[in-house]
Protein backbone atom coordinates (compact mmCIF):
# COMPACT_ATOMS: atom_id res chain seq x y z
CA MET A 1 0.05 -0.02 0.03
CA ALA A 2 1.09 3.48 -0.68
CA ASP A 3 2.44 5.55 2.08
CA SER A 4 -0.05 8.45 1.45
CA VAL A 5 -3.04 9.41 -0.22
CA PHE A 6 -4.44 12.49 -1.80
CA LEU A 7 -7.74 13.16 0.01
CA ALA A 8 -9.63 16.16 -1.14
CA LEU A 9 -11.80 16.35 2.00
CA PRO A 10 -14.52 19.09 1.60
CA VAL A 11 -14.12 21.38 4.61
CA SER A 12 -16.40 24.27 3.58
CA GLU A 13 -19.58 22.91 5.17
CA LEU A 14 -17.78 22.13 8.27
CA ASN A 15 -16.03 25.53 8.40
CA GLN A 16 -19.40 27.18 7.94
CA LYS A 17 -20.85 25.32 10.78
CA LEU A 18 -18.00 26.09 13.11
CA ASN A 19 -18.40 29.99 12.12
CA GLY A 20 -15.03 30.22 10.34
CA ALA A 21 -13.03 28.46 13.18
CA LEU A 22 -11.07 26.59 10.56
CA PRO A 23 -9.26 29.29 8.67
CA MET A 24 -8.56 28.01 4.99
CA ARG A 25 -6.30 30.35 3.31
CA GLU A 26 -6.90 30.16 -0.47
CA ALA A 27 -3.86 28.54 -2.14
CA ARG A 28 -2.36 30.01 -5.20
CA THR A 29 -0.07 28.75 -8.03
CA ARG A 30 2.76 30.73 -6.47
CA ASP A 31 2.21 28.47 -3.23
CA PHE A 32 2.52 25.53 -5.44
CA TYR A 33 5.93 26.63 -6.73
CA LEU A 34 7.09 27.60 -3.23
CA ALA A 35 6.34 24.14 -2.11
CA ALA A 36 8.00 22.57 -5.06
CA GLN A 37 11.02 24.79 -4.62
CA ALA A 38 11.28 23.90 -0.90
CA ALA A 39 11.20 20.21 -1.50
CA SER A 40 13.69 20.44 -4.20
CA HIS A 41 16.34 22.65 -2.42
CA GLU A 42 15.91 20.48 0.72
CA ALA A 43 16.71 17.38 -1.40
CA GLY A 44 19.52 19.36 -3.42
CA VAL A 45 18.51 20.56 -6.90
CA ASP A 46 21.70 19.42 -8.48
CA GLN A 47 21.23 15.73 -7.18
CA LEU A 48 17.40 15.81 -7.87
CA ALA A 49 18.11 16.97 -11.49
CA GLU A 50 20.48 14.20 -11.95
CA GLN A 51 17.87 11.69 -10.64
CA LEU A 52 15.16 13.18 -12.92
CA GLY A 53 17.60 12.89 -15.88
CA CYS A 54 17.81 16.74 -16.61
CA ALA A 55 20.41 19.55 -16.32
CA PRO A 56 20.32 21.44 -13.00
CA SER A 57 19.71 24.75 -14.85
CA THR A 58 16.47 22.96 -16.39
CA LEU A 59 15.19 21.89 -13.11
CA TYR A 60 15.89 25.48 -11.69
CA ASN A 61 13.95 27.02 -14.63
CA LYS A 62 11.11 24.52 -14.11
CA LEU A 63 11.02 25.65 -10.34
CA ASN A 64 10.71 29.20 -11.43
CA PRO A 65 7.11 30.40 -11.76
CA ASN A 66 8.33 33.31 -13.86
CA ASP A 67 9.90 31.30 -16.43
CA GLU A 68 7.72 30.73 -19.45
CA THR A 69 9.81 28.41 -21.36
CA ALA A 70 10.24 25.59 -18.67
CA LYS A 71 7.25 24.26 -16.74
CA LEU A 72 6.88 21.36 -14.27
CA THR A 73 4.95 18.54 -15.89
CA ALA A 74 2.76 16.06 -14.07
CA GLU A 75 5.56 13.44 -14.36
CA ASP A 76 7.98 15.85 -12.84
CA ILE A 77 5.73 16.67 -9.91
CA ILE A 78 5.13 12.83 -9.21
CA ARG A 79 8.80 12.07 -9.57
CA ILE A 80 9.89 14.96 -7.28
CA THR A 81 7.32 14.00 -4.77
CA ARG A 82 8.46 10.38 -4.81
CA LEU A 83 12.25 11.25 -4.80
CA THR A 84 12.07 13.92 -2.05
CA GLY A 85 9.35 12.26 0.00
CA SER A 86 7.86 15.63 0.43
CA SER A 87 4.07 15.95 0.69
CA ALA A 88 4.25 19.70 0.30
CA MET A 89 2.94 19.96 -3.25
CA ALA A 90 0.21 17.49 -2.58
CA GLU A 91 -0.81 19.65 0.69
CA VAL A 92 -1.08 22.80 -1.56
CA MET A 93 -3.05 20.91 -4.50
CA ALA A 94 -5.35 19.56 -1.64
CA ARG A 95 -6.00 23.31 -0.36
CA ILE A 96 -6.59 24.38 -3.83
CA ALA A 97 -9.24 21.65 -4.28
CA GLY A 98 -10.61 22.75 -0.87
CA GLY A 99 -9.40 19.83 1.14
CA VAL A 100 -6.52 18.45 3.17
CA PHE A 101 -3.71 15.97 2.63
CA TYR A 102 -3.14 13.27 5.00
CA ARG A 103 -0.23 10.87 5.14
CA LEU A 104 -1.35 7.45 5.87
CA PRO A 105 0.64 5.23 8.42
CA ASP A 106 2.17 2.00 7.07
CA LEU A 107 -0.25 -0.66 8.32
CA SER A 108 0.70 -3.26 5.60
CA LYS A 109 2.56 -5.47 8.20
CA ILE A 110 -0.59 -5.98 10.19
CA PRO A 111 -1.46 -9.66 10.11
CA ASP A 112 -5.10 -10.51 8.89
CA ALA A 113 -6.24 -11.31 12.45
CA GLU A 114 -5.18 -7.96 13.59
CA LEU A 115 -6.87 -6.37 10.59
CA PHE A 116 -10.23 -8.01 11.50
CA ASP A 117 -9.71 -6.37 14.94
CA LEU A 118 -9.26 -3.02 13.06
CA ILE A 119 -12.55 -3.40 11.37
CA LEU A 120 -14.35 -4.18 14.60
CA ASP A 121 -12.53 -1.31 16.28
CA GLU A 122 -13.56 1.12 13.47
CA GLY A 123 -16.98 1.50 14.97
CA SER A 124 -15.50 2.61 18.27
CA MET A 125 -13.09 4.99 16.61
CA THR A 126 -16.07 6.66 14.81
CA GLY A 127 -17.94 6.67 18.09
CA ASP A 128 -15.03 8.52 19.77
CA PHE A 129 -14.99 11.12 17.06
CA HIS A 130 -18.85 11.64 17.57
CA SER A 131 -18.59 11.93 21.26
CA HIS A 132 -15.69 14.33 21.12
CA LEU A 133 -17.56 16.38 18.57
CA ARG A 134 -20.76 16.58 20.55
CA LYS A 135 -18.84 17.44 23.80
CA PHE A 136 -16.44 20.07 22.10
CA LEU A 137 -19.25 21.83 20.14
CA ASP A 138 -21.68 22.01 23.21
CA ASP A 139 -20.64 25.61 23.60
CA ARG A 140 -20.67 26.35 20.07
CA ARG A 141 -16.78 27.15 20.04
CA LEU A 142 -13.96 25.12 19.15
CA GLU A 143 -10.54 25.59 20.84
CA ALA A 144 -7.42 24.58 19.11
CA ALA A 145 -6.71 21.69 21.37
CA GLU A 146 -10.26 20.35 20.75
CA PHE A 147 -9.76 20.68 17.00
CA ALA A 148 -6.37 18.79 17.26
CA ARG A 149 -8.18 15.95 18.98
CA LEU A 150 -11.09 15.89 16.35
CA GLU A 151 -8.36 15.92 13.71
CA GLN A 152 -6.81 12.88 15.36
CA ASP A 153 -9.97 11.08 15.50
CA ILE A 154 -10.66 11.89 11.88
CA CYS A 155 -7.43 10.85 10.75
CA ALA A 156 -7.57 7.56 12.56
CA VAL A 157 -11.07 6.78 10.99
CA ILE A 158 -9.75 7.64 7.40
CA SER A 159 -6.58 5.54 7.71
CA GLY A 160 -8.42 2.83 9.22
CA TRP A 161 -10.84 2.64 6.47
CA VAL A 162 -8.45 3.14 3.60
CA GLU A 163 -6.23 0.23 5.07
CA ILE A 164 -9.15 -2.03 5.38
CA LYS A 165 -10.14 -1.32 1.73
CA ALA A 166 -6.63 -1.93 0.51
CA ARG A 167 -6.28 -5.10 2.51
CA LEU A 168 -9.67 -6.59 1.42
CA GLU A 169 -8.65 -5.87 -2.15
CA THR A 170 -5.81 -8.34 -1.67
CA MET A 171 -8.35 -10.95 -0.75
CA VAL A 172 -10.57 -10.74 -3.81
CA ALA A 173 -10.37 -13.86 -5.89
CA SER A 174 -9.55 -13.31 -9.47
């Protein structure tokens, strides 16, 4: 299973219900280039260019949003993401799509018996989220620590279901 997944989770409705308690700054193309630059510079542009099979000057040009002659392609973005391990570009793309990016934990080593326990535990994870949400929104306000706890609950539920789906797919008879 992949280490991460691009999830465009709609937040506008939740944000509206929470009276704007979740500030979502509108991401722009410039933000995407800044993310690409940060990932590339952290990995080393010269080394990354070599791995991509291009000259360092070409990669520098592609990372420059003002350069009209060289642009990052979808293949470049995917390869840079894989080579650097950075989710920065995916995070910006998720914001542009009105969502969030979440890196999934590697649960591929969990034995099937534990996977079935995970399926059974999913209901309690969802229950924890609902319980916390009811408690935290009782006063119609959401504190930062409360949001952090809800985010943790949501991520646990999402990663659990994605892992369950992936593992069940491996059990499908061909």
